[in-house]
Amino acid sequence: MKKYLLSAALLIAVCISAQAQFSVGIKGGVNFSQINSDNFNHSSVAGYQAGVFARVGSGLYLQPEVYLSSTGGKFESNSTGIDYTANVKFTNLNVPLLLGHSFGSKDLNFRIMAGPIYTYVLSKNESFSNNFEAAFQDFGKYNNSTLGIQAGGGVDIGPITADLRYEGGLTKINDNFGQRQNLWALSVGFKFF
């Protein structure tokens, strides 16, 4: 799958044109993530993201990124008359490859974008109520890597860039409980050139 994504990125970059704009920058922000589950009530947790991006193209552009993020979720259940609670936090390496369209002037530019994202879990931190693990033994067996899709919009004001995106999980982070991670992310960045 990685080979296909890299091949597609290279093909799009070549097709855009040799005279296309090219910029590189840093970005950081906050996200509000949750892990949807068929069996539990779930709620969002706040996290962070920080990394680098490149943008190739002007009207139509390709934007690969690499960043670290913190995501997770909170779970509650009272299906048997007993309260069960769990908190899960992940530290991730994220690699989105976005295709976008920009419009506006050089100093005030609006953008829309969408594309796939690969997420690799670097570490996880779990806390379960005492009775949780006994009742739901396979709950904490999370996959180390997932695929998702991001879509959103952004604005550039000179070298300052801001994005608001939604990310939905295409693959399950836990196959046993049908869990998929979804999040909203707001980031601000600075283009060096």
N, C-alpha and C. Protein backbone atom coordinates (compact mmCIF):
# COMPACT_ATOMS: atom_id res chain seq x y z
N MET A 1 0.82 -1.19 0.00
CA MET A 1 0.00 0.00 0.00
C MET A 1 0.87 1.26 0.00
N LYS A 2 1.97 1.22 0.77
CA LYS A 2 2.85 2.38 0.84
C LYS A 2 3.44 2.68 -0.54
N LYS A 3 3.80 1.62 -1.29
CA LYS A 3 4.37 1.81 -2.62
C LYS A 3 3.38 2.52 -3.55
N TYR A 4 2.10 2.13 -3.45
CA TYR A 4 1.08 2.75 -4.28
C TYR A 4 0.89 4.22 -3.94
N LEU A 5 0.88 4.54 -2.64
CA LEU A 5 0.73 5.94 -2.22
C LEU A 5 1.91 6.78 -2.69
N LEU A 6 3.12 6.25 -2.55
CA LEU A 6 4.29 7.00 -3.00
C LEU A 6 4.31 7.16 -4.51
N SER A 7 3.93 6.11 -5.23
CA SER A 7 3.86 6.20 -6.70
C SER A 7 2.84 7.23 -7.15
N ALA A 8 1.67 7.23 -6.49
CA ALA A 8 0.63 8.21 -6.84
C ALA A 8 1.11 9.63 -6.54
N ALA A 9 1.79 9.81 -5.43
CA ALA A 9 2.30 11.15 -5.08
C ALA A 9 3.30 11.63 -6.10
N LEU A 10 4.19 10.76 -6.52
CA LEU A 10 5.20 11.13 -7.51
C LEU A 10 4.54 11.47 -8.85
N LEU A 11 3.57 10.68 -9.26
CA LEU A 11 2.88 10.94 -10.52
C LEU A 11 2.15 12.27 -10.50
N ILE A 12 1.45 12.56 -9.42
CA ILE A 12 0.73 13.83 -9.32
C ILE A 12 1.70 15.00 -9.32
N ALA A 13 2.81 14.85 -8.60
CA ALA A 13 3.79 15.94 -8.54
C ALA A 13 4.39 16.23 -9.91
N VAL A 14 4.66 15.20 -10.68
CA VAL A 14 5.21 15.39 -12.02
C VAL A 14 4.18 16.03 -12.94
N CYS A 15 2.91 15.62 -12.78
CA CYS A 15 1.85 16.14 -13.65
C CYS A 15 1.52 17.61 -13.37
N ILE A 16 1.76 18.07 -12.17
CA ILE A 16 1.38 19.45 -11.83
C ILE A 16 2.13 20.44 -12.70
N SER A 17 3.46 20.33 -12.81
CA SER A 17 4.30 21.06 -13.75
C SER A 17 5.60 21.45 -13.11
N ALA A 18 6.57 21.69 -13.95
CA ALA A 18 7.90 22.06 -13.46
C ALA A 18 7.90 23.48 -12.90
N GLN A 19 6.97 24.33 -13.32
CA GLN A 19 6.93 25.71 -12.85
C GLN A 19 6.01 25.90 -11.65
N ALA A 20 5.59 24.81 -11.06
CA ALA A 20 4.67 24.90 -9.93
C ALA A 20 5.34 25.51 -8.71
N GLN A 21 4.54 26.13 -7.89
CA GLN A 21 5.04 26.67 -6.63
C GLN A 21 5.43 25.52 -5.71
N PHE A 22 6.42 25.77 -4.87
CA PHE A 22 6.84 24.79 -3.89
C PHE A 22 7.07 25.50 -2.57
N SER A 23 6.50 24.98 -1.50
CA SER A 23 6.71 25.57 -0.19
C SER A 23 6.87 24.47 0.85
N VAL A 24 7.59 24.81 1.90
CA VAL A 24 7.85 23.90 3.02
C VAL A 24 7.56 24.68 4.30
N GLY A 25 7.00 24.00 5.30
CA GLY A 25 6.71 24.70 6.54
C GLY A 25 6.55 23.78 7.72
N ILE A 26 6.29 24.39 8.86
CA ILE A 26 6.01 23.67 10.09
C ILE A 26 4.58 23.95 10.50
N LYS A 27 4.01 23.04 11.30
CA LYS A 27 2.63 23.23 11.74
C LYS A 27 2.45 22.61 13.12
N GLY A 28 1.46 23.11 13.83
CA GLY A 28 1.10 22.56 15.13
C GLY A 28 -0.34 22.91 15.44
N GLY A 29 -0.94 22.13 16.32
CA GLY A 29 -2.31 22.43 16.64
C GLY A 29 -2.91 21.48 17.65
N VAL A 30 -4.22 21.52 17.72
CA VAL A 30 -4.97 20.68 18.65
C VAL A 30 -5.91 19.78 17.86
N ASN A 31 -6.29 18.66 18.49
CA ASN A 31 -7.30 17.81 17.90
C ASN A 31 -8.22 17.30 18.99
N PHE A 32 -9.40 16.92 18.58
CA PHE A 32 -10.39 16.35 19.47
C PHE A 32 -10.79 15.02 18.88
N SER A 33 -10.31 13.93 19.50
CA SER A 33 -10.49 12.60 18.93
C SER A 33 -11.41 11.75 19.79
N GLN A 34 -12.00 10.77 19.14
CA GLN A 34 -12.77 9.76 19.84
C GLN A 34 -12.61 8.44 19.11
N ILE A 35 -12.79 7.37 19.84
CA ILE A 35 -12.75 6.04 19.24
C ILE A 35 -14.17 5.50 19.31
N ASN A 36 -14.81 5.44 18.16
CA ASN A 36 -16.19 4.95 18.11
C ASN A 36 -16.20 3.45 18.38
N SER A 37 -17.19 3.00 19.10
CA SER A 37 -17.30 1.59 19.44
C SER A 37 -18.76 1.17 19.41
N ASP A 38 -18.99 -0.04 18.97
CA ASP A 38 -20.36 -0.56 18.92
C ASP A 38 -20.90 -0.87 20.31
N ASN A 39 -20.02 -1.18 21.28
CA ASN A 39 -20.45 -1.72 22.56
C ASN A 39 -20.41 -0.73 23.72
N PHE A 40 -19.83 0.46 23.53
CA PHE A 40 -19.60 1.36 24.65
C PHE A 40 -20.05 2.77 24.30
N ASN A 41 -20.40 3.54 25.32
CA ASN A 41 -20.56 4.98 25.15
C ASN A 41 -19.14 5.54 25.07
N HIS A 42 -18.93 6.49 24.20
CA HIS A 42 -17.59 7.05 24.03
C HIS A 42 -17.66 8.57 24.03
N SER A 43 -16.54 9.18 24.40
CA SER A 43 -16.46 10.64 24.38
C SER A 43 -15.09 11.07 23.89
N SER A 44 -14.96 12.33 23.54
CA SER A 44 -13.75 12.87 22.94
C SER A 44 -12.70 13.21 23.98
N VAL A 45 -11.44 13.18 23.52
CA VAL A 45 -10.32 13.66 24.33
C VAL A 45 -9.54 14.67 23.49
N ALA A 46 -8.94 15.64 24.16
CA ALA A 46 -8.13 16.64 23.47
C ALA A 46 -6.71 16.13 23.32
N GLY A 47 -6.08 16.47 22.21
CA GLY A 47 -4.70 16.08 21.95
C GLY A 47 -3.98 17.17 21.19
N TYR A 48 -2.78 16.84 20.72
CA TYR A 48 -1.95 17.80 20.00
C TYR A 48 -1.48 17.19 18.69
N GLN A 49 -0.92 18.03 17.84
CA GLN A 49 -0.21 17.59 16.64
C GLN A 49 0.87 18.61 16.33
N ALA A 50 2.02 18.12 15.85
CA ALA A 50 3.14 19.00 15.49
C ALA A 50 4.01 18.30 14.47
N GLY A 51 4.38 19.03 13.40
CA GLY A 51 5.20 18.42 12.37
C GLY A 51 5.53 19.36 11.24
N VAL A 52 5.81 18.78 10.07
CA VAL A 52 6.23 19.53 8.89
C VAL A 52 5.32 19.18 7.71
N PHE A 53 5.28 20.10 6.73
CA PHE A 53 4.52 19.85 5.51
C PHE A 53 5.26 20.45 4.33
N ALA A 54 4.92 19.95 3.15
CA ALA A 54 5.39 20.53 1.89
C ALA A 54 4.17 20.72 1.01
N ARG A 55 4.21 21.71 0.15
CA ARG A 55 3.10 21.96 -0.77
C ARG A 55 3.68 22.19 -2.16
N VAL A 56 3.22 21.40 -3.13
CA VAL A 56 3.68 21.50 -4.51
C VAL A 56 2.49 21.84 -5.38
N GLY A 57 2.56 22.96 -6.07
CA GLY A 57 1.48 23.38 -6.95
C GLY A 57 0.90 24.70 -6.52
N SER A 58 0.08 25.27 -7.38
CA SER A 58 -0.56 26.54 -7.04
C SER A 58 -2.07 26.36 -6.99
N GLY A 59 -2.75 26.29 -8.14
CA GLY A 59 -4.20 26.08 -8.12
C GLY A 59 -4.54 24.69 -7.60
N LEU A 60 -4.03 23.68 -8.29
CA LEU A 60 -4.14 22.29 -7.85
C LEU A 60 -2.82 21.96 -7.17
N TYR A 61 -2.86 21.42 -5.95
CA TYR A 61 -1.61 21.17 -5.25
C TYR A 61 -1.63 19.82 -4.54
N LEU A 62 -0.43 19.33 -4.26
CA LEU A 62 -0.22 18.12 -3.50
C LEU A 62 0.47 18.51 -2.20
N GLN A 63 -0.01 18.00 -1.07
CA GLN A 63 0.55 18.38 0.22
C GLN A 63 0.84 17.14 1.07
N PRO A 64 2.09 16.63 1.03
CA PRO A 64 2.48 15.58 1.96
C PRO A 64 2.87 16.19 3.30
N GLU A 65 2.61 15.45 4.38
CA GLU A 65 2.93 15.92 5.73
C GLU A 65 3.48 14.76 6.55
N VAL A 66 4.21 15.09 7.59
CA VAL A 66 4.65 14.14 8.61
C VAL A 66 4.52 14.86 9.94
N TYR A 67 3.78 14.27 10.89
CA TYR A 67 3.66 14.91 12.19
C TYR A 67 3.37 13.90 13.28
N LEU A 68 3.71 14.29 14.51
CA LEU A 68 3.37 13.53 15.70
C LEU A 68 2.03 14.03 16.22
N SER A 69 1.25 13.11 16.78
CA SER A 69 -0.03 13.52 17.35
C SER A 69 -0.34 12.70 18.59
N SER A 70 -1.21 13.25 19.40
CA SER A 70 -1.74 12.55 20.56
C SER A 70 -3.25 12.43 20.35
N THR A 71 -3.76 11.20 20.41
CA THR A 71 -5.18 10.95 20.19
C THR A 71 -5.66 9.93 21.22
N GLY A 72 -6.94 9.61 21.19
CA GLY A 72 -7.46 8.58 22.09
C GLY A 72 -8.95 8.66 22.26
N GLY A 73 -9.41 8.15 23.40
CA GLY A 73 -10.83 8.15 23.67
C GLY A 73 -11.14 7.73 25.09
N LYS A 74 -12.37 8.01 25.51
CA LYS A 74 -12.89 7.60 26.81
C LYS A 74 -14.10 6.72 26.56
N PHE A 75 -14.25 5.67 27.39
CA PHE A 75 -15.33 4.71 27.21
C PHE A 75 -16.03 4.46 28.54
N GLU A 76 -17.33 4.22 28.45
CA GLU A 76 -18.14 3.88 29.61
C GLU A 76 -19.16 2.84 29.18
N SER A 77 -19.47 1.94 30.10
CA SER A 77 -20.51 0.96 29.84
C SER A 77 -21.20 0.62 31.16
N ASN A 78 -22.48 0.35 31.07
CA ASN A 78 -23.25 -0.11 32.21
C ASN A 78 -24.21 -1.18 31.72
N SER A 79 -23.74 -2.03 30.80
CA SER A 79 -24.60 -3.01 30.14
C SER A 79 -25.05 -4.12 31.08
N THR A 80 -24.27 -4.40 32.13
CA THR A 80 -24.64 -5.47 33.05
C THR A 80 -25.06 -4.94 34.41
N GLY A 81 -25.31 -3.63 34.51
CA GLY A 81 -25.66 -3.03 35.79
C GLY A 81 -24.44 -2.63 36.60
N ILE A 82 -23.25 -2.85 36.06
CA ILE A 82 -21.99 -2.48 36.71
C ILE A 82 -21.33 -1.42 35.84
N ASP A 83 -20.75 -0.40 36.47
CA ASP A 83 -20.07 0.65 35.72
C ASP A 83 -18.68 0.21 35.30
N TYR A 84 -18.38 0.35 34.00
CA TYR A 84 -17.06 0.08 33.45
C TYR A 84 -16.55 1.36 32.81
N THR A 85 -15.30 1.73 33.05
CA THR A 85 -14.72 2.92 32.42
C THR A 85 -13.32 2.61 31.91
N ALA A 86 -12.92 3.33 30.86
CA ALA A 86 -11.58 3.18 30.29
C ALA A 86 -11.16 4.48 29.63
N ASN A 87 -9.88 4.79 29.71
CA ASN A 87 -9.27 5.91 29.00
C ASN A 87 -8.09 5.37 28.22
N VAL A 88 -7.99 5.77 26.96
CA VAL A 88 -6.91 5.31 26.10
C VAL A 88 -6.30 6.52 25.42
N LYS A 89 -4.96 6.62 25.44
CA LYS A 89 -4.24 7.70 24.75
C LYS A 89 -3.15 7.07 23.89
N PHE A 90 -3.01 7.57 22.67
CA PHE A 90 -1.98 7.11 21.75
C PHE A 90 -1.05 8.27 21.39
N THR A 91 0.21 7.98 21.20
CA THR A 91 1.15 8.89 20.55
C THR A 91 1.42 8.29 19.18
N ASN A 92 1.15 9.05 18.11
CA ASN A 92 1.16 8.54 16.75
C ASN A 92 2.15 9.27 15.85
N LEU A 93 2.60 8.57 14.82
CA LEU A 93 3.28 9.18 13.69
C LEU A 93 2.29 9.16 12.55
N ASN A 94 1.93 10.33 12.03
CA ASN A 94 0.92 10.46 10.98
C ASN A 94 1.56 10.92 9.68
N VAL A 95 1.12 10.30 8.57
CA VAL A 95 1.62 10.67 7.24
C VAL A 95 0.43 10.83 6.29
N PRO A 96 -0.16 12.03 6.21
CA PRO A 96 -1.21 12.27 5.23
C PRO A 96 -0.63 12.69 3.87
N LEU A 97 -1.35 12.40 2.82
CA LEU A 97 -1.00 12.83 1.47
C LEU A 97 -2.26 13.45 0.88
N LEU A 98 -2.31 14.79 0.87
CA LEU A 98 -3.53 15.51 0.52
C LEU A 98 -3.44 16.10 -0.88
N LEU A 99 -4.54 16.03 -1.59
CA LEU A 99 -4.68 16.70 -2.87
C LEU A 99 -5.66 17.84 -2.64
N GLY A 100 -5.28 19.05 -3.06
CA GLY A 100 -6.13 20.20 -2.76
C GLY A 100 -6.27 21.15 -3.92
N HIS A 101 -7.15 22.11 -3.72
CA HIS A 101 -7.36 23.19 -4.69
C HIS A 101 -7.35 24.50 -3.92
N SER A 102 -6.60 25.46 -4.42
CA SER A 102 -6.54 26.77 -3.76
C SER A 102 -7.09 27.84 -4.69
N PHE A 103 -7.62 28.88 -4.08
CA PHE A 103 -8.15 30.00 -4.85
C PHE A 103 -8.00 31.26 -4.02
N GLY A 104 -7.81 32.35 -4.69
CA GLY A 104 -7.58 33.63 -4.02
C GLY A 104 -6.27 34.23 -4.50
N SER A 105 -5.82 35.26 -3.81
CA SER A 105 -4.59 35.94 -4.18
C SER A 105 -3.41 35.33 -3.44
N LYS A 106 -2.22 35.82 -3.74
CA LYS A 106 -1.01 35.31 -3.10
C LYS A 106 -1.00 35.62 -1.61
N ASP A 107 -1.53 36.78 -1.22
CA ASP A 107 -1.52 37.18 0.19
C ASP A 107 -2.71 36.66 0.99
N LEU A 108 -3.80 36.29 0.33
CA LEU A 108 -4.97 35.73 1.00
C LEU A 108 -5.49 34.59 0.12
N ASN A 109 -5.20 33.38 0.54
CA ASN A 109 -5.46 32.21 -0.27
C ASN A 109 -6.34 31.24 0.52
N PHE A 110 -7.44 30.77 -0.07
CA PHE A 110 -8.31 29.79 0.56
C PHE A 110 -8.08 28.44 -0.09
N ARG A 111 -8.20 27.36 0.69
CA ARG A 111 -7.91 26.03 0.18
C ARG A 111 -8.94 25.01 0.66
N ILE A 112 -9.15 23.98 -0.17
CA ILE A 112 -9.87 22.77 0.24
C ILE A 112 -8.96 21.59 -0.09
N MET A 113 -9.03 20.53 0.73
CA MET A 113 -8.15 19.40 0.50
C MET A 113 -8.76 18.12 1.04
N ALA A 114 -8.26 16.99 0.50
CA ALA A 114 -8.67 15.67 0.97
C ALA A 114 -7.62 14.66 0.55
N GLY A 115 -7.55 13.57 1.29
CA GLY A 115 -6.62 12.51 0.92
C GLY A 115 -6.45 11.49 2.02
N PRO A 116 -5.69 10.44 1.71
CA PRO A 116 -5.48 9.37 2.68
C PRO A 116 -4.47 9.76 3.76
N ILE A 117 -4.55 9.08 4.90
CA ILE A 117 -3.59 9.26 5.97
C ILE A 117 -3.23 7.89 6.54
N TYR A 118 -1.93 7.69 6.73
CA TYR A 118 -1.41 6.49 7.37
C TYR A 118 -1.00 6.88 8.79
N THR A 119 -1.43 6.10 9.79
CA THR A 119 -1.10 6.38 11.18
C THR A 119 -0.43 5.16 11.80
N TYR A 120 0.72 5.41 12.44
CA TYR A 120 1.43 4.35 13.15
C TYR A 120 1.48 4.73 14.63
N VAL A 121 1.04 3.82 15.50
CA VAL A 121 1.02 4.07 16.94
C VAL A 121 2.42 3.84 17.50
N LEU A 122 3.03 4.90 18.03
CA LEU A 122 4.35 4.81 18.64
C LEU A 122 4.27 4.32 20.08
N SER A 123 3.25 4.77 20.82
CA SER A 123 3.06 4.32 22.20
C SER A 123 1.59 4.50 22.58
N LYS A 124 1.19 3.75 23.60
CA LYS A 124 -0.18 3.88 24.09
C LYS A 124 -0.17 3.87 25.61
N ASN A 125 -1.15 4.56 26.17
CA ASN A 125 -1.32 4.65 27.61
C ASN A 125 -2.79 4.34 27.89
N GLU A 126 -3.03 3.28 28.65
CA GLU A 126 -4.40 2.85 28.93
C GLU A 126 -4.66 2.85 30.43
N SER A 127 -5.84 3.23 30.80
CA SER A 127 -6.25 3.10 32.20
C SER A 127 -7.68 2.56 32.20
N PHE A 128 -7.86 1.43 32.87
CA PHE A 128 -9.15 0.76 32.93
C PHE A 128 -9.62 0.69 34.38
N SER A 129 -10.93 0.73 34.58
CA SER A 129 -11.45 0.46 35.92
C SER A 129 -11.10 -0.99 36.28
N ASN A 130 -11.04 -1.30 37.55
CA ASN A 130 -10.58 -2.62 38.00
C ASN A 130 -11.35 -3.77 37.37
N ASN A 131 -12.63 -3.60 37.13
CA ASN A 131 -13.45 -4.68 36.59
C ASN A 131 -13.46 -4.73 35.06
N PHE A 132 -12.87 -3.71 34.40
CA PHE A 132 -12.98 -3.59 32.95
C PHE A 132 -12.24 -4.71 32.22
N GLU A 133 -10.97 -4.94 32.56
CA GLU A 133 -10.17 -5.92 31.83
C GLU A 133 -10.71 -7.33 31.98
N ALA A 134 -11.25 -7.67 33.14
CA ALA A 134 -11.82 -9.01 33.33
C ALA A 134 -13.05 -9.21 32.45
N ALA A 135 -13.86 -8.18 32.30
CA ALA A 135 -15.09 -8.30 31.52
C ALA A 135 -14.85 -8.20 30.02
N PHE A 136 -13.87 -7.38 29.61
CA PHE A 136 -13.62 -7.13 28.18
C PHE A 136 -12.14 -7.40 27.89
N GLN A 137 -11.75 -8.65 27.85
CA GLN A 137 -10.34 -9.05 27.79
C GLN A 137 -9.59 -8.54 26.56
N ASP A 138 -10.23 -8.51 25.42
CA ASP A 138 -9.54 -8.11 24.19
C ASP A 138 -9.67 -6.63 23.89
N PHE A 139 -10.19 -5.85 24.83
CA PHE A 139 -10.44 -4.44 24.55
C PHE A 139 -9.17 -3.67 24.21
N GLY A 140 -8.07 -3.90 24.91
CA GLY A 140 -6.84 -3.14 24.72
C GLY A 140 -5.94 -3.65 23.62
N LYS A 141 -6.41 -4.58 22.79
CA LYS A 141 -5.57 -5.13 21.72
C LYS A 141 -5.72 -4.27 20.47
N TYR A 142 -5.00 -3.15 20.47
CA TYR A 142 -5.11 -2.18 19.38
C TYR A 142 -4.10 -2.47 18.28
N ASN A 143 -4.50 -2.23 17.04
CA ASN A 143 -3.59 -2.37 15.90
C ASN A 143 -2.56 -1.25 15.93
N ASN A 144 -1.34 -1.55 15.49
CA ASN A 144 -0.28 -0.55 15.49
C ASN A 144 -0.38 0.43 14.33
N SER A 145 -1.06 0.06 13.27
CA SER A 145 -1.18 0.98 12.14
C SER A 145 -2.58 0.93 11.56
N THR A 146 -3.02 2.09 11.08
CA THR A 146 -4.35 2.22 10.49
C THR A 146 -4.29 3.15 9.28
N LEU A 147 -5.31 3.06 8.46
CA LEU A 147 -5.50 3.98 7.35
C LEU A 147 -6.78 4.77 7.58
N GLY A 148 -6.75 6.02 7.16
CA GLY A 148 -7.91 6.87 7.28
C GLY A 148 -7.98 7.83 6.13
N ILE A 149 -8.91 8.76 6.21
CA ILE A 149 -9.04 9.79 5.19
C ILE A 149 -9.26 11.13 5.90
N GLN A 150 -8.61 12.16 5.38
CA GLN A 150 -8.78 13.52 5.91
C GLN A 150 -9.43 14.38 4.84
N ALA A 151 -10.24 15.32 5.29
CA ALA A 151 -10.84 16.31 4.40
C ALA A 151 -11.05 17.59 5.18
N GLY A 152 -10.86 18.72 4.52
CA GLY A 152 -11.05 19.97 5.23
C GLY A 152 -10.76 21.19 4.37
N GLY A 153 -10.57 22.30 5.06
CA GLY A 153 -10.30 23.56 4.39
C GLY A 153 -9.25 24.33 5.15
N GLY A 154 -8.72 25.35 4.47
CA GLY A 154 -7.69 26.15 5.11
C GLY A 154 -7.59 27.53 4.49
N VAL A 155 -6.77 28.34 5.11
CA VAL A 155 -6.52 29.69 4.62
C VAL A 155 -5.05 30.01 4.81
N ASP A 156 -4.47 30.72 3.86
CA ASP A 156 -3.10 31.23 3.95
C ASP A 156 -3.17 32.75 3.95
N ILE A 157 -2.54 33.36 4.95
CA ILE A 157 -2.41 34.81 4.99
C ILE A 157 -0.91 35.08 5.00
N GLY A 158 -0.38 35.40 3.82
CA GLY A 158 1.07 35.52 3.69
C GLY A 158 1.70 34.17 4.00
N PRO A 159 2.71 34.13 4.88
CA PRO A 159 3.35 32.85 5.20
C PRO A 159 2.62 32.05 6.28
N ILE A 160 1.58 32.64 6.89
CA ILE A 160 0.83 31.94 7.94
C ILE A 160 -0.26 31.10 7.29
N THR A 161 -0.39 29.86 7.75
CA THR A 161 -1.38 28.95 7.20
C THR A 161 -2.19 28.33 8.34
N ALA A 162 -3.49 28.13 8.13
CA ALA A 162 -4.35 27.51 9.14
C ALA A 162 -5.28 26.52 8.45
N ASP A 163 -5.48 25.36 9.08
CA ASP A 163 -6.32 24.30 8.53
C ASP A 163 -7.31 23.81 9.57
N LEU A 164 -8.50 23.42 9.11
CA LEU A 164 -9.48 22.70 9.92
C LEU A 164 -9.82 21.45 9.13
N ARG A 165 -9.63 20.27 9.75
CA ARG A 165 -9.85 19.01 9.05
C ARG A 165 -10.62 18.02 9.89
N TYR A 166 -11.32 17.13 9.18
CA TYR A 166 -11.94 15.97 9.80
C TYR A 166 -11.18 14.74 9.32
N GLU A 167 -10.94 13.82 10.23
CA GLU A 167 -10.28 12.56 9.88
C GLU A 167 -11.16 11.40 10.30
N GLY A 168 -11.43 10.52 9.37
CA GLY A 168 -12.23 9.33 9.66
C GLY A 168 -11.41 8.08 9.42
N GLY A 169 -11.57 7.09 10.28
CA GLY A 169 -10.83 5.84 10.15
C GLY A 169 -11.43 4.94 9.08
N LEU A 170 -10.61 4.48 8.14
CA LEU A 170 -11.04 3.52 7.14
C LEU A 170 -10.85 2.09 7.65
N THR A 171 -9.81 1.90 8.45
CA THR A 171 -9.58 0.58 9.05
C THR A 171 -9.82 0.68 10.55
N LYS A 172 -10.12 -0.46 11.16
CA LYS A 172 -10.42 -0.50 12.59
C LYS A 172 -9.14 -0.47 13.40
N ILE A 173 -9.16 0.26 14.49
CA ILE A 173 -8.02 0.29 15.40
C ILE A 173 -8.08 -0.90 16.36
N ASN A 174 -9.27 -1.48 16.54
CA ASN A 174 -9.45 -2.70 17.33
C ASN A 174 -10.52 -3.53 16.63
N ASP A 175 -10.11 -4.66 16.07
CA ASP A 175 -11.04 -5.51 15.32
C ASP A 175 -12.09 -6.17 16.20
N ASN A 176 -11.76 -6.43 17.46
CA ASN A 176 -12.66 -7.17 18.34
C ASN A 176 -13.91 -6.39 18.73
N PHE A 177 -13.82 -5.08 18.80
CA PHE A 177 -14.95 -4.28 19.25
C PHE A 177 -15.41 -3.27 18.19
N GLY A 178 -14.97 -3.43 16.95
CA GLY A 178 -15.41 -2.55 15.87
C GLY A 178 -15.02 -1.10 16.06
N GLN A 179 -13.88 -0.85 16.70
CA GLN A 179 -13.49 0.52 17.03
C GLN A 179 -12.74 1.19 15.87
N ARG A 180 -13.17 2.41 15.56
CA ARG A 180 -12.51 3.27 14.58
C ARG A 180 -12.25 4.62 15.22
N GLN A 181 -11.09 5.19 14.90
CA GLN A 181 -10.77 6.50 15.46
C GLN A 181 -11.16 7.60 14.49
N ASN A 182 -11.81 8.64 15.01
CA ASN A 182 -12.21 9.81 14.24
C ASN A 182 -11.79 11.04 15.01
N LEU A 183 -11.50 12.13 14.29
CA LEU A 183 -11.10 13.35 15.00
C LEU A 183 -11.32 14.59 14.15
N TRP A 184 -11.38 15.72 14.85
CA TRP A 184 -11.34 17.05 14.26
C TRP A 184 -10.00 17.67 14.65
N ALA A 185 -9.32 18.30 13.72
CA ALA A 185 -8.02 18.91 14.00
C ALA A 185 -7.98 20.35 13.50
N LEU A 186 -7.43 21.22 14.32
CA LEU A 186 -7.23 22.62 13.98
C LEU A 186 -5.74 22.89 14.13
N SER A 187 -5.10 23.36 13.05
CA SER A 187 -3.65 23.60 13.11
C SER A 187 -3.31 24.95 12.50
N VAL A 188 -2.18 25.47 12.95
CA VAL A 188 -1.62 26.72 12.43
C VAL A 188 -0.18 26.42 12.04
N GLY A 189 0.26 26.99 10.93
CA GLY A 189 1.61 26.72 10.47
C GLY A 189 2.27 27.96 9.89
N PHE A 190 3.54 27.78 9.55
CA PHE A 190 4.33 28.87 8.96
C PHE A 190 5.10 28.30 7.78
N LYS A 191 4.91 28.92 6.59
CA LYS A 191 5.63 28.52 5.37
C LYS A 191 6.97 29.26 5.32
N PHE A 192 8.06 28.51 5.21
CA PHE A 192 9.38 29.13 5.13
C PHE A 192 9.64 29.74 3.75
N PHE A 193 9.13 29.07 2.71
CA PHE A 193 9.23 29.61 1.33
C PHE A 193 8.18 28.99 0.47
